[in-house]
Amino acid sequence: MRNIPFHTIDWSNIPKTEHPGETGTSFWQTLQFEGLRVRIVEYAAGYLADHWCQKGHIVHCLDGEFGSEMENGEVFSLTQGMTYIVSDNLSSHRSISKKGAKLLIIDGDFLKQI
């Protein structure tokens, strides 16, 4: 990663992109830096990711509730104020949300395995 100068972010000025899931839809507002991605992600009610992800993330639930389902069937439920952290390639996970959720997601090179 390169040095990132001081930023303030007015998320209302960051466009939303639509990402359909297996069911439901997610909407992303994304800031991309070299080796770092910062997103606000909203899951609509009934959302189920369309893939298993092995990428590392820091995921903080800003509002609502969602589950992080592991490929072995285990589900971790997160509600407003909760966070999960995982490095790249340490789990196969996907998001599910029955009622919808709004998340802050940070990922990048710093989460690669050493």
PDB file of N, CA and C in Angstrom:
ATOM      1  N   MET A   1       0.834  -1.187   0.000  1.00  0.00           N
ATOM      2  CA  MET A   1       0.000   0.000   0.000  1.00  0.00           C
ATOM      3  C   MET A   1       0.876   1.245   0.000  1.00  0.00           C
ATOM      4  N   ARG A   2       0.389   2.239  -0.635  1.00  0.00           N
ATOM      5  CA  ARG A   2       1.037   3.544  -0.628  1.00  0.00           C
ATOM      6  C   ARG A   2       0.483   4.348   0.538  1.00  0.00           C
ATOM      7  N   ASN A   3       1.171   5.418   0.856  1.00  0.00           N
ATOM      8  CA  ASN A   3       0.652   6.322   1.874  1.00  0.00           C
ATOM      9  C   ASN A   3      -0.627   6.961   1.363  1.00  0.00           C
ATOM     10  N   ILE A   4      -1.614   7.054   2.222  1.00  0.00           N
ATOM     11  CA  ILE A   4      -2.890   7.670   1.864  1.00  0.00           C
ATOM     12  C   ILE A   4      -2.996   8.967   2.648  1.00  0.00           C
ATOM     13  N   PRO A   5      -3.101  10.093   1.950  1.00  0.00           N
ATOM     14  CA  PRO A   5      -3.232  11.364   2.673  1.00  0.00           C
ATOM     15  C   PRO A   5      -4.568  11.434   3.405  1.00  0.00           C
ATOM     16  N   PHE A   6      -4.673  12.346   4.334  1.00  0.00           N
ATOM     17  CA  PHE A   6      -5.889  12.530   5.120  1.00  0.00           C
ATOM     18  C   PHE A   6      -7.083  12.714   4.188  1.00  0.00           C
ATOM     19  N   HIS A   7      -8.141  11.978   4.464  1.00  0.00           N
ATOM     20  CA  HIS A   7      -9.377  12.049   3.676  1.00  0.00           C
ATOM     21  C   HIS A   7     -10.575  12.194   4.596  1.00  0.00           C
ATOM     22  N   THR A   8     -11.531  12.959   4.172  1.00  0.00           N
ATOM     23  CA  THR A   8     -12.873  12.853   4.731  1.00  0.00           C
ATOM     24  C   THR A   8     -13.718  12.281   3.607  1.00  0.00           C
ATOM     25  N   ILE A   9     -14.713  11.500   3.958  1.00  0.00           N
ATOM     26  CA  ILE A   9     -15.532  10.836   2.952  1.00  0.00           C
ATOM     27  C   ILE A   9     -16.986  11.204   3.187  1.00  0.00           C
ATOM     28  N   ASP A  10     -17.583  11.831   2.221  1.00  0.00           N
ATOM     29  CA  ASP A  10     -19.021  12.090   2.238  1.00  0.00           C
ATOM     30  C   ASP A  10     -19.649  10.986   1.394  1.00  0.00           C
ATOM     31  N   TRP A  11     -20.127   9.945   2.073  1.00  0.00           N
ATOM     32  CA  TRP A  11     -20.641   8.769   1.370  1.00  0.00           C
ATOM     33  C   TRP A  11     -21.827   9.115   0.473  1.00  0.00           C
ATOM     34  N   SER A  12     -22.512  10.228   0.740  1.00  0.00           N
ATOM     35  CA  SER A  12     -23.640  10.597  -0.113  1.00  0.00           C
ATOM     36  C   SER A  12     -23.172  10.996  -1.520  1.00  0.00           C
ATOM     37  N   ASN A  13     -21.872  11.265  -1.685  1.00  0.00           N
ATOM     38  CA  ASN A  13     -21.318  11.610  -2.993  1.00  0.00           C
ATOM     39  C   ASN A  13     -20.690  10.419  -3.714  1.00  0.00           C
ATOM     40  N   ILE A  14     -20.670   9.255  -3.074  1.00  0.00           N
ATOM     41  CA  ILE A  14     -20.078   8.060  -3.685  1.00  0.00           C
ATOM     42  C   ILE A  14     -21.214   7.270  -4.342  1.00  0.00           C
ATOM     43  N   PRO A  15     -21.153   7.050  -5.660  1.00  0.00           N
ATOM     44  CA  PRO A  15     -22.252   6.355  -6.336  1.00  0.00           C
ATOM     45  C   PRO A  15     -22.395   4.906  -5.865  1.00  0.00           C
ATOM     46  N   LYS A  16     -23.636   4.428  -5.906  1.00  0.00           N
ATOM     47  CA  LYS A  16     -23.930   3.036  -5.551  1.00  0.00           C
ATOM     48  C   LYS A  16     -23.924   2.186  -6.815  1.00  0.00           C
ATOM     49  N   THR A  17     -23.325   1.000  -6.698  1.00  0.00           N
ATOM     50  CA  THR A  17     -23.386   0.033  -7.781  1.00  0.00           C
ATOM     51  C   THR A  17     -24.164  -1.178  -7.289  1.00  0.00           C
ATOM     52  N   GLU A  18     -24.946  -1.761  -8.171  1.00  0.00           N
ATOM     53  CA  GLU A  18     -25.822  -2.882  -7.825  1.00  0.00           C
ATOM     54  C   GLU A  18     -25.107  -4.200  -8.108  1.00  0.00           C
ATOM     55  N   HIS A  19     -25.221  -5.135  -7.150  1.00  0.00           N
ATOM     56  CA  HIS A  19     -24.595  -6.444  -7.268  1.00  0.00           C
ATOM     57  C   HIS A  19     -25.632  -7.510  -6.886  1.00  0.00           C
ATOM     58  N   PRO A  20     -26.218  -8.174  -7.889  1.00  0.00           N
ATOM     59  CA  PRO A  20     -27.219  -9.189  -7.571  1.00  0.00           C
ATOM     60  C   PRO A  20     -26.587 -10.377  -6.853  1.00  0.00           C
ATOM     61  N   GLY A  21     -27.324 -10.931  -5.897  1.00  0.00           N
ATOM     62  CA  GLY A  21     -26.896 -12.137  -5.232  1.00  0.00           C
ATOM     63  C   GLY A  21     -27.592 -13.337  -5.842  1.00  0.00           C
ATOM     64  N   GLU A  22     -27.394 -14.489  -5.227  1.00  0.00           N
ATOM     65  CA  GLU A  22     -28.177 -15.659  -5.633  1.00  0.00           C
ATOM     66  C   GLU A  22     -29.651 -15.342  -5.451  1.00  0.00           C
ATOM     67  N   THR A  23     -29.962 -14.686  -4.333  1.00  0.00           N
ATOM     68  CA  THR A  23     -31.271 -14.063  -4.118  1.00  0.00           C
ATOM     69  C   THR A  23     -31.010 -12.669  -3.577  1.00  0.00           C
ATOM     70  N   GLY A  24     -31.880 -11.743  -3.870  1.00  0.00           N
ATOM     71  CA  GLY A  24     -31.724 -10.377  -3.373  1.00  0.00           C
ATOM     72  C   GLY A  24     -30.590  -9.641  -4.057  1.00  0.00           C
ATOM     73  N   THR A  25     -30.333  -8.449  -3.572  1.00  0.00           N
ATOM     74  CA  THR A  25     -29.354  -7.563  -4.189  1.00  0.00           C
ATOM     75  C   THR A  25     -28.537  -6.869  -3.111  1.00  0.00           C
ATOM     76  N   SER A  26     -27.296  -6.560  -3.448  1.00  0.00           N
ATOM     77  CA  SER A  26     -26.478  -5.709  -2.596  1.00  0.00           C
ATOM     78  C   SER A  26     -26.115  -4.452  -3.384  1.00  0.00           C
ATOM     79  N   PHE A  27     -25.874  -3.371  -2.652  1.00  0.00           N
ATOM     80  CA  PHE A  27     -25.489  -2.100  -3.245  1.00  0.00           C
ATOM     81  C   PHE A  27     -24.190  -1.660  -2.597  1.00  0.00           C
ATOM     82  N   TRP A  28     -23.190  -1.352  -3.419  1.00  0.00           N
ATOM     83  CA  TRP A  28     -21.866  -0.998  -2.924  1.00  0.00           C
ATOM     84  C   TRP A  28     -21.549   0.457  -3.236  1.00  0.00           C
ATOM     85  N   GLN A  29     -20.934   1.128  -2.273  1.00  0.00           N
ATOM     86  CA  GLN A  29     -20.281   2.413  -2.479  1.00  0.00           C
ATOM     87  C   GLN A  29     -18.811   2.152  -2.171  1.00  0.00           C
ATOM     88  N   THR A  30     -17.947   2.334  -3.161  1.00  0.00           N
ATOM     89  CA  THR A  30     -16.573   1.851  -3.068  1.00  0.00           C
ATOM     90  C   THR A  30     -15.553   2.955  -3.261  1.00  0.00           C
ATOM     91  N   LEU A  31     -14.560   2.964  -2.375  1.00  0.00           N
ATOM     92  CA  LEU A  31     -13.355   3.770  -2.549  1.00  0.00           C
ATOM     93  C   LEU A  31     -12.202   2.793  -2.736  1.00  0.00           C
ATOM     94  N   GLN A  32     -11.450   2.954  -3.806  1.00  0.00           N
ATOM     95  CA  GLN A  32     -10.344   2.046  -4.102  1.00  0.00           C
ATOM     96  C   GLN A  32      -9.033   2.817  -4.069  1.00  0.00           C
ATOM     97  N   PHE A  33      -8.119   2.337  -3.251  1.00  0.00           N
ATOM     98  CA  PHE A  33      -6.764   2.856  -3.190  1.00  0.00           C
ATOM     99  C   PHE A  33      -5.837   1.710  -3.583  1.00  0.00           C
ATOM    100  N   GLU A  34      -4.578   2.009  -3.811  1.00  0.00           N
ATOM    101  CA  GLU A  34      -3.641   0.929  -4.115  1.00  0.00           C
ATOM    102  C   GLU A  34      -3.540  -0.009  -2.917  1.00  0.00           C
ATOM    103  N   GLY A  35      -3.968  -1.245  -3.092  1.00  0.00           N
ATOM    104  CA  GLY A  35      -3.872  -2.251  -2.037  1.00  0.00           C
ATOM    105  C   GLY A  35      -4.900  -2.124  -0.932  1.00  0.00           C
ATOM    106  N   LEU A  36      -5.908  -1.266  -1.104  1.00  0.00           N
ATOM    107  CA  LEU A  36      -6.911  -1.060  -0.057  1.00  0.00           C
ATOM    108  C   LEU A  36      -8.251  -0.708  -0.695  1.00  0.00           C
ATOM    109  N   ARG A  37      -9.311  -1.386  -0.241  1.00  0.00           N
ATOM    110  CA  ARG A  37     -10.664  -1.069  -0.691  1.00  0.00           C
ATOM    111  C   ARG A  37     -11.529  -0.830   0.539  1.00  0.00           C
ATOM    112  N   VAL A  38     -12.283   0.266   0.507  1.00  0.00           N
ATOM    113  CA  VAL A  38     -13.189   0.631   1.599  1.00  0.00           C
ATOM    114  C   VAL A  38     -14.578   0.767   0.992  1.00  0.00           C
ATOM    115  N   ARG A  39     -15.577   0.072   1.592  1.00  0.00           N
ATOM    116  CA  ARG A  39     -16.927   0.076   1.020  1.00  0.00           C
ATOM    117  C   ARG A  39     -17.988   0.218   2.097  1.00  0.00           C
ATOM    118  N   ILE A  40     -19.075   0.874   1.715  1.00  0.00           N
ATOM    119  CA  ILE A  40     -20.337   0.752   2.437  1.00  0.00           C
ATOM    120  C   ILE A  40     -21.165  -0.200   1.566  1.00  0.00           C
ATOM    121  N   VAL A  41     -21.635  -1.279   2.164  1.00  0.00           N
ATOM    122  CA  VAL A  41     -22.410  -2.284   1.433  1.00  0.00           C
ATOM    123  C   VAL A  41     -23.756  -2.433   2.123  1.00  0.00           C
ATOM    124  N   GLU A  42     -24.816  -2.366   1.341  1.00  0.00           N
ATOM    125  CA  GLU A  42     -26.163  -2.576   1.860  1.00  0.00           C
ATOM    126  C   GLU A  42     -26.731  -3.842   1.246  1.00  0.00           C
ATOM    127  N   TYR A  43     -27.223  -4.730   2.100  1.00  0.00           N
ATOM    128  CA  TYR A  43     -27.913  -5.937   1.653  1.00  0.00           C
ATOM    129  C   TYR A  43     -29.404  -5.691   1.749  1.00  0.00           C
ATOM    130  N   ALA A  44     -30.105  -5.935   0.652  1.00  0.00           N
ATOM    131  CA  ALA A  44     -31.560  -5.869   0.682  1.00  0.00           C
ATOM    132  C   ALA A  44     -32.079  -7.087   1.437  1.00  0.00           C
ATOM    133  N   ALA A  45     -33.311  -6.990   1.929  1.00  0.00           N
ATOM    134  CA  ALA A  45     -33.944  -8.132   2.602  1.00  0.00           C
ATOM    135  C   ALA A  45     -33.943  -9.324   1.647  1.00  0.00           C
ATOM    136  N   GLY A  46     -33.643 -10.493   2.184  1.00  0.00           N
ATOM    137  CA  GLY A  46     -33.635 -11.718   1.386  1.00  0.00           C
ATOM    138  C   GLY A  46     -32.348 -11.950   0.610  1.00  0.00           C
ATOM    139  N   TYR A  47     -31.279 -11.234   0.966  1.00  0.00           N
ATOM    140  CA  TYR A  47     -30.020 -11.352   0.235  1.00  0.00           C
ATOM    141  C   TYR A  47     -29.282 -12.636   0.592  1.00  0.00           C
ATOM    142  N   LEU A  48     -28.754 -13.314  -0.431  1.00  0.00           N
ATOM    143  CA  LEU A  48     -27.840 -14.440  -0.290  1.00  0.00           C
ATOM    144  C   LEU A  48     -26.766 -14.264  -1.344  1.00  0.00           C
ATOM    145  N   ALA A  49     -25.495 -14.208  -0.926  1.00  0.00           N
ATOM    146  CA  ALA A  49     -24.385 -14.017  -1.864  1.00  0.00           C
ATOM    147  C   ALA A  49     -24.385 -15.125  -2.912  1.00  0.00           C
ATOM    148  N   ASP A  50     -23.933 -14.788  -4.099  1.00  0.00           N
ATOM    149  CA  ASP A  50     -23.929 -15.747  -5.206  1.00  0.00           C
ATOM    150  C   ASP A  50     -22.620 -16.523  -5.318  1.00  0.00           C
ATOM    151  N   HIS A  51     -21.740 -16.398  -4.320  1.00  0.00           N
ATOM    152  CA  HIS A  51     -20.457 -17.107  -4.371  1.00  0.00           C
ATOM    153  C   HIS A  51     -19.908 -17.296  -2.954  1.00  0.00           C
ATOM    154  N   TRP A  52     -18.982 -18.232  -2.830  1.00  0.00           N
ATOM    155  CA  TRP A  52     -18.219 -18.414  -1.604  1.00  0.00           C
ATOM    156  C   TRP A  52     -16.966 -17.562  -1.733  1.00  0.00           C
ATOM    157  N   CYS A  53     -16.686 -16.779  -0.728  1.00  0.00           N
ATOM    158  CA  CYS A  53     -15.569 -15.838  -0.758  1.00  0.00           C
ATOM    159  C   CYS A  53     -14.446 -16.341   0.140  1.00  0.00           C
ATOM    160  N   GLN A  54     -13.220 -16.211  -0.331  1.00  0.00           N
ATOM    161  CA  GLN A  54     -12.063 -16.566   0.492  1.00  0.00           C
ATOM    162  C   GLN A  54     -11.185 -15.355   0.776  1.00  0.00           C
ATOM    163  N   LYS A  55     -11.661 -14.190   0.387  1.00  0.00           N
ATOM    164  CA  LYS A  55     -10.915 -12.952   0.601  1.00  0.00           C
ATOM    165  C   LYS A  55     -11.008 -12.532   2.070  1.00  0.00           C
ATOM    166  N   GLY A  56      -9.971 -11.912   2.547  1.00  0.00           N
ATOM    167  CA  GLY A  56      -9.981 -11.378   3.902  1.00  0.00           C
ATOM    168  C   GLY A  56     -10.751 -10.063   3.963  1.00  0.00           C
ATOM    169  N   HIS A  57     -11.387  -9.815   5.098  1.00  0.00           N
ATOM    170  CA  HIS A  57     -12.174  -8.602   5.290  1.00  0.00           C
ATOM    171  C   HIS A  57     -12.144  -8.179   6.751  1.00  0.00           C
ATOM    172  N   ILE A  58     -12.391  -6.911   6.965  1.00  0.00           N
ATOM    173  CA  ILE A  58     -12.865  -6.395   8.243  1.00  0.00           C
ATOM    174  C   ILE A  58     -14.272  -5.914   7.932  1.00  0.00           C
ATOM    175  N   VAL A  59     -15.267  -6.507   8.583  1.00  0.00           N
ATOM    176  CA  VAL A  59     -16.672  -6.196   8.303  1.00  0.00           C
ATOM    177  C   VAL A  59     -17.319  -5.707   9.590  1.00  0.00           C
ATOM    178  N   HIS A  60     -17.849  -4.496   9.549  1.00  0.00           N
ATOM    179  CA  HIS A  60     -18.524  -3.906  10.700  1.00  0.00           C
ATOM    180  C   HIS A  60     -19.974  -3.638  10.330  1.00  0.00           C
ATOM    181  N   CYS A  61     -20.898  -4.148  11.132  1.00  0.00           N
ATOM    182  CA  CYS A  61     -22.329  -3.970  10.879  1.00  0.00           C
ATOM    183  C   CYS A  61     -22.774  -2.613  11.418  1.00  0.00           C
ATOM    184  N   LEU A  62     -23.162  -1.734  10.496  1.00  0.00           N
ATOM    185  CA  LEU A  62     -23.625  -0.400  10.869  1.00  0.00           C
ATOM    186  C   LEU A  62     -25.101  -0.393  11.250  1.00  0.00           C
ATOM    187  N   ASP A  63     -25.870  -1.279  10.606  1.00  0.00           N
ATOM    188  CA  ASP A  63     -27.310  -1.317  10.840  1.00  0.00           C
ATOM    189  C   ASP A  63     -27.847  -2.658  10.366  1.00  0.00           C
ATOM    190  N   GLY A  64     -28.903  -3.130  10.996  1.00  0.00           N
ATOM    191  CA  GLY A  64     -29.545  -4.368  10.581  1.00  0.00           C
ATOM    192  C   GLY A  64     -28.860  -5.598  11.129  1.00  0.00           C
ATOM    193  N   GLU A  65     -29.007  -6.702  10.403  1.00  0.00           N
ATOM    194  CA  GLU A  65     -28.466  -7.989  10.836  1.00  0.00           C
ATOM    195  C   GLU A  65     -28.134  -8.819   9.608  1.00  0.00           C
ATOM    196  N   PHE A  66     -27.030  -9.532   9.684  1.00  0.00           N
ATOM    197  CA  PHE A  66     -26.671 -10.445   8.603  1.00  0.00           C
ATOM    198  C   PHE A  66     -25.930 -11.630   9.192  1.00  0.00           C
ATOM    199  N   GLY A  67     -25.826 -12.669   8.389  1.00  0.00           N
ATOM    200  CA  GLY A  67     -25.082 -13.844   8.799  1.00  0.00           C
ATOM    201  C   GLY A  67     -23.905 -14.052   7.872  1.00  0.00           C
ATOM    202  N   SER A  68     -22.820 -14.524   8.434  1.00  0.00           N
ATOM    203  CA  SER A  68     -21.680 -14.948   7.643  1.00  0.00           C
ATOM    204  C   SER A  68     -21.663 -16.469   7.733  1.00  0.00           C
ATOM    205  N   GLU A  69     -22.050 -17.106   6.631  1.00  0.00           N
ATOM    206  CA  GLU A  69     -22.152 -18.560   6.575  1.00  0.00           C
ATOM    207  C   GLU A  69     -20.824 -19.146   6.118  1.00  0.00           C
ATOM    208  N   MET A  70     -20.328 -20.114   6.860  1.00  0.00           N
ATOM    209  CA  MET A  70     -19.119 -20.828   6.480  1.00  0.00           C
ATOM    210  C   MET A  70     -19.509 -21.989   5.563  1.00  0.00           C
ATOM    211  N   GLU A  71     -18.577 -22.420   4.747  1.00  0.00           N
ATOM    212  CA  GLU A  71     -18.864 -23.499   3.803  1.00  0.00           C
ATOM    213  C   GLU A  71     -19.258 -24.797   4.511  1.00  0.00           C
ATOM    214  N   ASN A  72     -18.828 -24.968   5.779  1.00  0.00           N
ATOM    215  CA  ASN A  72     -19.193 -26.164   6.546  1.00  0.00           C
ATOM    216  C   ASN A  72     -20.601 -26.065   7.146  1.00  0.00           C
ATOM    217  N   GLY A  73     -21.319 -24.954   6.879  1.00  0.00           N
ATOM    218  CA  GLY A  73     -22.688 -24.793   7.356  1.00  0.00           C
ATOM    219  C   GLY A  73     -22.826 -23.939   8.604  1.00  0.00           C
ATOM    220  N   GLU A  74     -21.743 -23.687   9.308  1.00  0.00           N
ATOM    221  CA  GLU A  74     -21.791 -22.840  10.504  1.00  0.00           C
ATOM    222  C   GLU A  74     -22.124 -21.408  10.092  1.00  0.00           C
ATOM    223  N   VAL A  75     -22.968 -20.734  10.891  1.00  0.00           N
ATOM    224  CA  VAL A  75     -23.360 -19.357  10.601  1.00  0.00           C
ATOM    225  C   VAL A  75     -23.064 -18.482  11.809  1.00  0.00           C
ATOM    226  N   PHE A  76     -22.396 -17.367  11.559  1.00  0.00           N
ATOM    227  CA  PHE A  76     -22.129 -16.373  12.594  1.00  0.00           C
ATOM    228  C   PHE A  76     -23.049 -15.193  12.333  1.00  0.00           C
ATOM    229  N   SER A  77     -23.909 -14.865  13.292  1.00  0.00           N
ATOM    230  CA  SER A  77     -24.839 -13.743  13.147  1.00  0.00           C
ATOM    231  C   SER A  77     -24.217 -12.485  13.718  1.00  0.00           C
ATOM    232  N   LEU A  78     -24.317 -11.405  12.956  1.00  0.00           N
ATOM    233  CA  LEU A  78     -23.816 -10.115  13.398  1.00  0.00           C
ATOM    234  C   LEU A  78     -24.937  -9.094  13.332  1.00  0.00           C
ATOM    235  N   THR A  79     -25.010  -8.269  14.348  1.00  0.00           N
ATOM    236  CA  THR A  79     -26.001  -7.201  14.423  1.00  0.00           C
ATOM    237  C   THR A  79     -25.256  -5.871  14.564  1.00  0.00           C
ATOM    238  N   GLN A  80     -26.009  -4.792  14.574  1.00  0.00           N
ATOM    239  CA  GLN A  80     -25.449  -3.451  14.663  1.00  0.00           C
ATOM    240  C   GLN A  80     -24.384  -3.370  15.758  1.00  0.00           C
ATOM    241  N   GLY A  81     -23.216  -2.849  15.392  1.00  0.00           N
ATOM    242  CA  GLY A  81     -22.124  -2.672  16.341  1.00  0.00           C
ATOM    243  C   GLY A  81     -21.155  -3.833  16.414  1.00  0.00           C
ATOM    244  N   MET A  82     -21.447  -4.943  15.722  1.00  0.00           N
ATOM    245  CA  MET A  82     -20.554  -6.105  15.749  1.00  0.00           C
ATOM    246  C   MET A  82     -19.647  -6.110  14.520  1.00  0.00           C
ATOM    247  N   THR A  83     -18.487  -6.762  14.668  1.00  0.00           N
ATOM    248  CA  THR A  83     -17.467  -6.800  13.626  1.00  0.00           C
ATOM    249  C   THR A  83     -16.912  -8.209  13.508  1.00  0.00           C
ATOM    250  N   TYR A  84     -16.542  -8.590  12.280  1.00  0.00           N
ATOM    251  CA  TYR A  84     -15.702  -9.783  12.134  1.00  0.00           C
ATOM    252  C   TYR A  84     -14.476  -9.436  11.311  1.00  0.00           C
ATOM    253  N   ILE A  85     -13.410 -10.213  11.540  1.00  0.00           N
ATOM    254  CA  ILE A  85     -12.139 -10.036  10.854  1.00  0.00           C
ATOM    255  C   ILE A  85     -11.645 -11.405  10.426  1.00  0.00           C
ATOM    256  N   VAL A  86     -11.147 -11.511   9.178  1.00  0.00           N
ATOM    257  CA  VAL A  86     -10.538 -12.746   8.702  1.00  0.00           C
ATOM    258  C   VAL A  86      -9.500 -12.391   7.643  1.00  0.00           C
ATOM    259  N   SER A  87      -8.394 -13.120   7.617  1.00  0.00           N
ATOM    260  CA  SER A  87      -7.375 -12.935   6.589  1.00  0.00           C
ATOM    261  C   SER A  87      -7.728 -13.729   5.336  1.00  0.00           C
ATOM    262  N   ASP A  88      -7.085 -13.392   4.226  1.00  0.00           N
ATOM    263  CA  ASP A  88      -7.296 -14.100   2.965  1.00  0.00           C
ATOM    264  C   ASP A  88      -7.079 -15.599   3.142  1.00  0.00           C
ATOM    265  N   ASN A  89      -7.910 -16.376   2.479  1.00  0.00           N
ATOM    266  CA  ASN A  89      -7.772 -17.826   2.353  1.00  0.00           C
ATOM    267  C   ASN A  89      -7.842 -18.600   3.669  1.00  0.00           C
ATOM    268  N   LEU A  90      -8.436 -18.009   4.721  1.00  0.00           N
ATOM    269  CA  LEU A  90      -8.581 -18.734   5.980  1.00  0.00           C
ATOM    270  C   LEU A  90      -9.999 -19.237   6.210  1.00  0.00           C
ATOM    271  N   SER A  91     -10.932 -18.870   5.321  1.00  0.00           N
ATOM    272  CA  SER A  91     -12.284 -19.417   5.412  1.00  0.00           C
ATOM    273  C   SER A  91     -12.967 -19.235   4.064  1.00  0.00           C
ATOM    274  N   SER A  92     -13.954 -20.076   3.829  1.00  0.00           N
ATOM    275  CA  SER A  92     -14.868 -19.901   2.702  1.00  0.00           C
ATOM    276  C   SER A  92     -16.173 -19.439   3.319  1.00  0.00           C
ATOM    277  N   HIS A  93     -16.587 -18.214   3.006  1.00  0.00           N
ATOM    278  CA  HIS A  93     -17.751 -17.632   3.653  1.00  0.00           C
ATOM    279  C   HIS A  93     -18.611 -16.905   2.628  1.00  0.00           C
ATOM    280  N   ARG A  94     -19.884 -16.727   2.986  1.00  0.00           N
ATOM    281  CA  ARG A  94     -20.784 -15.915   2.165  1.00  0.00           C
ATOM    282  C   ARG A  94     -21.791 -15.257   3.093  1.00  0.00           C
ATOM    283  N   SER A  95     -22.306 -14.119   2.641  1.00  0.00           N
ATOM    284  CA  SER A  95     -23.233 -13.343   3.462  1.00  0.00           C
ATOM    285  C   SER A  95     -24.673 -13.687   3.134  1.00  0.00           C
ATOM    286  N   ILE A  96     -25.486 -13.651   4.197  1.00  0.00           N
ATOM    287  CA  ILE A  96     -26.929 -13.825   4.062  1.00  0.00           C
ATOM    288  C   ILE A  96     -27.607 -12.782   4.948  1.00  0.00           C
ATOM    289  N   SER A  97     -28.737 -12.273   4.482  1.00  0.00           N
ATOM    290  CA  SER A  97     -29.463 -11.309   5.306  1.00  0.00           C
ATOM    291  C   SER A  97     -30.955 -11.438   5.038  1.00  0.00           C
ATOM    292  N   LYS A  98     -31.694 -11.832   6.049  1.00  0.00           N
ATOM    293  CA  LYS A  98     -33.149 -11.985   5.903  1.00  0.00           C
ATOM    294  C   LYS A  98     -33.854 -10.643   5.851  1.00  0.00           C
ATOM    295  N   LYS A  99     -33.431  -9.690   6.703  1.00  0.00           N
ATOM    296  CA  LYS A  99     -34.140  -8.414   6.828  1.00  0.00           C
ATOM    297  C   LYS A  99     -33.372  -7.233   6.255  1.00  0.00           C
ATOM    298  N   GLY A 100     -32.127  -7.437   5.845  1.00  0.00           N
ATOM    299  CA  GLY A 100     -31.305  -6.354   5.316  1.00  0.00           C
ATOM    300  C   GLY A 100     -30.272  -5.887   6.322  1.00  0.00           C
ATOM    301  N   ALA A 101     -29.199  -5.298   5.800  1.00  0.00           N
ATOM    302  CA  ALA A 101     -28.111  -4.816   6.653  1.00  0.00           C
ATOM    303  C   ALA A 101     -27.308  -3.764   5.906  1.00  0.00           C
ATOM    304  N   LYS A 102     -26.619  -2.930   6.688  1.00  0.00           N
ATOM    305  CA  LYS A 102     -25.695  -1.942   6.132  1.00  0.00           C
ATOM    306  C   LYS A 102     -24.358  -2.161   6.817  1.00  0.00           C
ATOM    307  N   LEU A 103     -23.287  -2.320   6.014  1.00  0.00           N
ATOM    308  CA  LEU A 103     -21.988  -2.711   6.525  1.00  0.00           C
ATOM    309  C   LEU A 103     -20.903  -1.747   6.072  1.00  0.00           C
ATOM    310  N   LEU A 104     -19.858  -1.622   6.866  1.00  0.00           N
ATOM    311  CA  LEU A 104     -18.604  -1.014   6.453  1.00  0.00           C
ATOM    312  C   LEU A 104     -17.636  -2.177   6.261  1.00  0.00           C
ATOM    313  N   ILE A 105     -17.078  -2.301   5.049  1.00  0.00           N
ATOM    314  CA  ILE A 105     -16.172  -3.405   4.743  1.00  0.00           C
ATOM    315  C   ILE A 105     -14.844  -2.833   4.269  1.00  0.00           C
ATOM    316  N   ILE A 106     -13.773  -3.310   4.895  1.00  0.00           N
ATOM    317  CA  ILE A 106     -12.418  -2.893   4.541  1.00  0.00           C
ATOM    318  C   ILE A 106     -11.627  -4.151   4.198  1.00  0.00           C
ATOM    319  N   ASP A 107     -10.993  -4.125   3.042  1.00  0.00           N
ATOM    320  CA  ASP A 107     -10.128  -5.247   2.680  1.00  0.00           C
ATOM    321  C   ASP A 107      -8.955  -4.736   1.877  1.00  0.00           C
ATOM    322  N   GLY A 108      -7.941  -5.561   1.805  1.00  0.00           N
ATOM    323  CA  GLY A 108      -6.756  -5.136   1.057  1.00  0.00           C
ATOM    324  C   GLY A 108      -5.564  -6.027   1.323  1.00  0.00           C
ATOM    325  N   ASP A 109      -4.437  -5.582   0.808  1.00  0.00           N
ATOM    326  CA  ASP A 109      -3.212  -6.370   0.860  1.00  0.00           C
ATOM    327  C   ASP A 109      -2.774  -6.695   2.284  1.00  0.00           C
ATOM    328  N   PHE A 110      -3.123  -5.862   3.247  1.00  0.00           N
ATOM    329  CA  PHE A 110      -2.692  -6.090   4.631  1.00  0.00           C
ATOM    330  C   PHE A 110      -3.328  -7.348   5.233  1.00  0.00           C
ATOM    331  N   LEU A 111      -4.339  -7.917   4.577  1.00  0.00           N
ATOM    332  CA  LEU A 111      -4.990  -9.130   5.072  1.00  0.00           C
ATOM    333  C   LEU A 111      -4.489 -10.402   4.387  1.00  0.00           C
ATOM    334  N   LYS A 112      -3.485 -10.268   3.543  1.00  0.00           N
ATOM    335  CA  LYS A 112      -2.905 -11.454   2.907  1.00  0.00           C
ATOM    336  C   LYS A 112      -2.116 -12.247   3.939  1.00  0.00           C
ATOM    337  N   GLN A 113      -2.132 -13.571   3.782  1.00  0.00           N
ATOM    338  CA  GLN A 113      -1.366 -14.419   4.692  1.00  0.00           C
ATOM    339  C   GLN A 113       0.119 -14.189   4.495  1.00  0.00           C
ATOM    340  N   ILE A 114       0.840 -14.278   5.592  1.00  0.00           N
ATOM    341  CA  ILE A 114       2.305 -14.114   5.532  1.00  0.00           C
ATOM    342  C   ILE A 114       2.946 -15.450   5.343  1.00  0.00           C
TER     343      ILE A 114
END
